[in-house]
Amino acid sequence: MDNNSNQVKMFASTEITDLCESIKHIHKILRTVGLFFSELNMNDENGNGLLVDFKKWGIKTITKEMLEKQFQKLDRIRAIYEEEKKRL
């Protein structure tokens, strides 16, 4: 049995899909947050720094929670990989 056939059996198709989706979600989250921060910084001409700071805090809080969920999925897949690697 060669390495390629072992690698195919290492992950179920749903785990590979989860991995790809998590990476896509992380990219989308970071891109969107970057756009929000850019808009907030550009719209701060009115001098309402407290409101902008509150919005930034909200974005950071939500982003951390969303990223944490994606990182948990990645950690689960990494653990499966490590376990399978030990078996091989």
N, C-alpha and C. Protein backbone atom coordinates (compact mmCIF):
# COMPACT_ATOMS: atom_id res chain seq x y z
N MET A 1 0.84 -1.18 0.00
CA MET A 1 0.00 0.00 0.00
C MET A 1 0.89 1.24 0.00
N ASP A 2 0.64 2.17 -0.90
CA ASP A 2 1.46 3.38 -0.97
C ASP A 2 0.85 4.49 -0.11
N ASN A 3 1.60 5.57 0.01
CA ASN A 3 1.16 6.68 0.86
C ASN A 3 -0.12 7.33 0.37
N ASN A 4 -0.30 7.39 -0.94
CA ASN A 4 -1.50 8.04 -1.48
C ASN A 4 -2.76 7.32 -1.06
N SER A 5 -2.76 6.00 -1.06
CA SER A 5 -3.97 5.28 -0.66
C SER A 5 -4.23 5.44 0.83
N ASN A 6 -3.18 5.56 1.65
CA ASN A 6 -3.36 5.83 3.08
C ASN A 6 -3.96 7.22 3.31
N GLN A 7 -3.52 8.19 2.54
CA GLN A 7 -4.00 9.55 2.71
C GLN A 7 -5.48 9.67 2.34
N VAL A 8 -5.90 8.91 1.35
CA VAL A 8 -7.30 8.96 0.95
C VAL A 8 -8.18 8.46 2.07
N LYS A 9 -7.74 7.45 2.80
CA LYS A 9 -8.54 6.87 3.87
C LYS A 9 -8.46 7.67 5.18
N MET A 10 -7.52 8.59 5.26
CA MET A 10 -7.29 9.29 6.52
C MET A 10 -8.49 10.14 6.92
N PHE A 11 -9.10 10.83 5.99
CA PHE A 11 -10.21 11.70 6.30
C PHE A 11 -11.46 11.27 5.54
N ALA A 12 -12.58 11.40 6.19
CA ALA A 12 -13.85 11.19 5.51
C ALA A 12 -14.13 12.43 4.66
N SER A 13 -14.96 12.27 3.66
CA SER A 13 -15.23 13.39 2.76
C SER A 13 -15.84 14.58 3.50
N THR A 14 -16.62 14.32 4.55
CA THR A 14 -17.22 15.43 5.29
C THR A 14 -16.16 16.23 6.04
N GLU A 15 -15.11 15.57 6.52
CA GLU A 15 -14.05 16.28 7.24
C GLU A 15 -13.25 17.17 6.29
N ILE A 16 -13.03 16.68 5.09
CA ILE A 16 -12.31 17.50 4.10
C ILE A 16 -13.16 18.71 3.73
N THR A 17 -14.45 18.49 3.56
CA THR A 17 -15.36 19.60 3.27
C THR A 17 -15.37 20.60 4.42
N ASP A 18 -15.42 20.11 5.66
CA ASP A 18 -15.38 21.00 6.83
C ASP A 18 -14.10 21.83 6.86
N LEU A 19 -12.98 21.19 6.54
CA LEU A 19 -11.69 21.88 6.52
C LEU A 19 -11.71 23.01 5.49
N CYS A 20 -12.14 22.69 4.29
CA CYS A 20 -12.19 23.70 3.23
C CYS A 20 -13.16 24.83 3.59
N GLU A 21 -14.31 24.48 4.13
CA GLU A 21 -15.29 25.49 4.51
C GLU A 21 -14.76 26.39 5.63
N SER A 22 -14.06 25.81 6.59
CA SER A 22 -13.49 26.61 7.68
C SER A 22 -12.48 27.61 7.16
N ILE A 23 -11.64 27.16 6.25
CA ILE A 23 -10.64 28.06 5.67
C ILE A 23 -11.32 29.18 4.90
N LYS A 24 -12.35 28.84 4.13
CA LYS A 24 -13.10 29.86 3.39
C LYS A 24 -13.77 30.84 4.34
N HIS A 25 -14.33 30.33 5.43
CA HIS A 25 -15.02 31.20 6.39
C HIS A 25 -14.04 32.14 7.08
N ILE A 26 -12.87 31.64 7.43
CA ILE A 26 -11.86 32.48 8.07
C ILE A 26 -11.46 33.60 7.12
N HIS A 27 -11.23 33.26 5.88
CA HIS A 27 -10.86 34.28 4.88
C HIS A 27 -11.97 35.32 4.73
N LYS A 28 -13.20 34.86 4.64
CA LYS A 28 -14.33 35.78 4.48
C LYS A 28 -14.50 36.68 5.71
N ILE A 29 -14.36 36.10 6.90
CA ILE A 29 -14.48 36.87 8.13
C ILE A 29 -13.42 37.97 8.18
N LEU A 30 -12.18 37.60 7.92
CA LEU A 30 -11.09 38.58 8.00
C LEU A 30 -11.23 39.66 6.94
N ARG A 31 -11.65 39.28 5.75
CA ARG A 31 -11.85 40.26 4.69
C ARG A 31 -12.97 41.24 5.04
N THR A 32 -14.06 40.71 5.53
CA THR A 32 -15.21 41.54 5.89
C THR A 32 -14.87 42.48 7.04
N VAL A 33 -14.19 41.96 8.05
CA VAL A 33 -13.80 42.80 9.19
C VAL A 33 -12.86 43.91 8.73
N GLY A 34 -11.95 43.59 7.85
CA GLY A 34 -11.05 44.61 7.32
C GLY A 34 -11.82 45.73 6.63
N LEU A 35 -12.83 45.36 5.85
CA LEU A 35 -13.66 46.36 5.18
C LEU A 35 -14.42 47.21 6.19
N PHE A 36 -14.98 46.57 7.22
CA PHE A 36 -15.71 47.32 8.26
C PHE A 36 -14.80 48.34 8.94
N PHE A 37 -13.60 47.90 9.30
CA PHE A 37 -12.68 48.81 9.98
C PHE A 37 -12.29 49.98 9.07
N SER A 38 -12.09 49.67 7.79
CA SER A 38 -11.76 50.74 6.84
C SER A 38 -12.88 51.76 6.76
N GLU A 39 -14.12 51.27 6.68
CA GLU A 39 -15.27 52.17 6.60
C GLU A 39 -15.41 52.99 7.88
N LEU A 40 -15.23 52.34 9.03
CA LEU A 40 -15.35 53.08 10.29
C LEU A 40 -14.31 54.18 10.39
N ASN A 41 -13.10 53.88 10.00
CA ASN A 41 -12.04 54.89 10.08
C ASN A 41 -12.29 56.04 9.11
N MET A 42 -12.87 55.75 7.96
CA MET A 42 -13.17 56.81 6.99
C MET A 42 -14.37 57.64 7.42
N ASN A 43 -15.31 57.03 8.14
CA ASN A 43 -16.53 57.73 8.54
C ASN A 43 -16.41 58.43 9.89
N ASP A 44 -15.23 58.52 10.42
CA ASP A 44 -15.02 59.14 11.73
C ASP A 44 -14.77 60.65 11.61
N GLU A 45 -15.16 61.23 10.51
CA GLU A 45 -14.94 62.66 10.30
C GLU A 45 -15.83 63.51 11.20
N ASN A 46 -16.95 62.95 11.68
CA ASN A 46 -17.87 63.70 12.53
C ASN A 46 -17.34 63.87 13.94
N GLY A 47 -16.27 63.17 14.27
CA GLY A 47 -15.69 63.30 15.59
C GLY A 47 -16.39 62.50 16.67
N ASN A 48 -17.24 61.56 16.29
CA ASN A 48 -17.95 60.74 17.28
C ASN A 48 -17.11 59.49 17.57
N GLY A 49 -15.98 59.72 18.20
CA GLY A 49 -15.03 58.64 18.47
C GLY A 49 -15.59 57.55 19.37
N LEU A 50 -16.44 57.92 20.32
CA LEU A 50 -17.00 56.93 21.24
C LEU A 50 -17.86 55.92 20.49
N LEU A 51 -18.69 56.39 19.58
CA LEU A 51 -19.54 55.50 18.79
C LEU A 51 -18.69 54.59 17.90
N VAL A 52 -17.67 55.16 17.29
CA VAL A 52 -16.78 54.37 16.44
C VAL A 52 -16.06 53.33 17.28
N ASP A 53 -15.58 53.72 18.45
CA ASP A 53 -14.90 52.77 19.34
C ASP A 53 -15.83 51.64 19.75
N PHE A 54 -17.08 51.97 20.04
CA PHE A 54 -18.05 50.95 20.42
C PHE A 54 -18.30 49.98 19.27
N LYS A 55 -18.44 50.51 18.06
CA LYS A 55 -18.64 49.65 16.89
C LYS A 55 -17.42 48.76 16.66
N LYS A 56 -16.23 49.31 16.82
CA LYS A 56 -15.01 48.51 16.66
C LYS A 56 -14.96 47.41 17.71
N TRP A 57 -15.32 47.72 18.93
CA TRP A 57 -15.34 46.71 20.00
C TRP A 57 -16.33 45.60 19.63
N GLY A 58 -17.51 45.97 19.13
CA GLY A 58 -18.51 44.98 18.74
C GLY A 58 -18.00 44.08 17.62
N ILE A 59 -17.37 44.69 16.64
CA ILE A 59 -16.83 43.91 15.53
C ILE A 59 -15.75 42.96 16.02
N LYS A 60 -14.87 43.44 16.89
CA LYS A 60 -13.81 42.58 17.42
C LYS A 60 -14.39 41.41 18.20
N THR A 61 -15.38 41.68 19.03
CA THR A 61 -16.00 40.63 19.86
C THR A 61 -16.65 39.56 18.99
N ILE A 62 -17.44 40.00 18.03
CA ILE A 62 -18.12 39.05 17.14
C ILE A 62 -17.10 38.27 16.32
N THR A 63 -16.09 38.96 15.83
CA THR A 63 -15.06 38.31 15.01
C THR A 63 -14.33 37.23 15.81
N LYS A 64 -13.96 37.55 17.04
CA LYS A 64 -13.27 36.56 17.88
C LYS A 64 -14.12 35.31 18.06
N GLU A 65 -15.42 35.50 18.30
CA GLU A 65 -16.30 34.35 18.48
C GLU A 65 -16.42 33.52 17.20
N MET A 66 -16.56 34.21 16.08
CA MET A 66 -16.70 33.50 14.81
C MET A 66 -15.41 32.76 14.45
N LEU A 67 -14.28 33.41 14.66
CA LEU A 67 -13.00 32.75 14.37
C LEU A 67 -12.77 31.58 15.31
N GLU A 68 -13.14 31.71 16.56
CA GLU A 68 -12.95 30.63 17.53
C GLU A 68 -13.69 29.37 17.07
N LYS A 69 -14.90 29.54 16.57
CA LYS A 69 -15.66 28.38 16.06
C LYS A 69 -14.94 27.71 14.91
N GLN A 70 -14.38 28.51 14.01
CA GLN A 70 -13.66 27.94 12.87
C GLN A 70 -12.37 27.27 13.33
N PHE A 71 -11.67 27.88 14.29
CA PHE A 71 -10.44 27.28 14.80
C PHE A 71 -10.71 25.96 15.52
N GLN A 72 -11.85 25.86 16.19
CA GLN A 72 -12.22 24.60 16.83
C GLN A 72 -12.40 23.49 15.80
N LYS A 73 -13.01 23.82 14.67
CA LYS A 73 -13.16 22.83 13.60
C LYS A 73 -11.80 22.40 13.07
N LEU A 74 -10.92 23.38 12.88
CA LEU A 74 -9.58 23.07 12.39
C LEU A 74 -8.81 22.22 13.40
N ASP A 75 -8.95 22.53 14.68
CA ASP A 75 -8.27 21.75 15.72
C ASP A 75 -8.77 20.30 15.73
N ARG A 76 -10.07 20.11 15.53
CA ARG A 76 -10.64 18.76 15.50
C ARG A 76 -10.06 17.97 14.32
N ILE A 77 -9.97 18.61 13.18
CA ILE A 77 -9.42 17.94 12.00
C ILE A 77 -7.94 17.66 12.19
N ARG A 78 -7.22 18.60 12.81
CA ARG A 78 -5.80 18.38 13.09
C ARG A 78 -5.60 17.20 14.03
N ALA A 79 -6.48 17.08 15.02
CA ALA A 79 -6.38 15.95 15.97
C ALA A 79 -6.62 14.62 15.25
N ILE A 80 -7.56 14.60 14.34
CA ILE A 80 -7.80 13.39 13.56
C ILE A 80 -6.57 13.05 12.74
N TYR A 81 -5.97 14.05 12.12
CA TYR A 81 -4.77 13.84 11.32
C TYR A 81 -3.64 13.29 12.18
N GLU A 82 -3.42 13.90 13.36
CA GLU A 82 -2.35 13.43 14.25
C GLU A 82 -2.58 11.99 14.68
N GLU A 83 -3.82 11.63 14.98
CA GLU A 83 -4.14 10.27 15.39
C GLU A 83 -3.88 9.28 14.25
N GLU A 84 -4.28 9.64 13.07
CA GLU A 84 -4.06 8.77 11.91
C GLU A 84 -2.58 8.65 11.58
N LYS A 85 -1.87 9.75 11.76
CA LYS A 85 -0.41 9.77 11.49
C LYS A 85 0.30 8.79 12.44
N LYS A 86 -0.15 8.72 13.69
CA LYS A 86 0.44 7.80 14.65
C LYS A 86 0.21 6.35 14.23
N ARG A 87 -1.00 6.08 13.70
CA ARG A 87 -1.32 4.72 13.26
C ARG A 87 -0.49 4.27 12.08
N LEU A 88 -0.12 5.21 11.23
CA LEU A 88 0.67 4.86 10.04
C LEU A 88 2.10 4.72 10.44
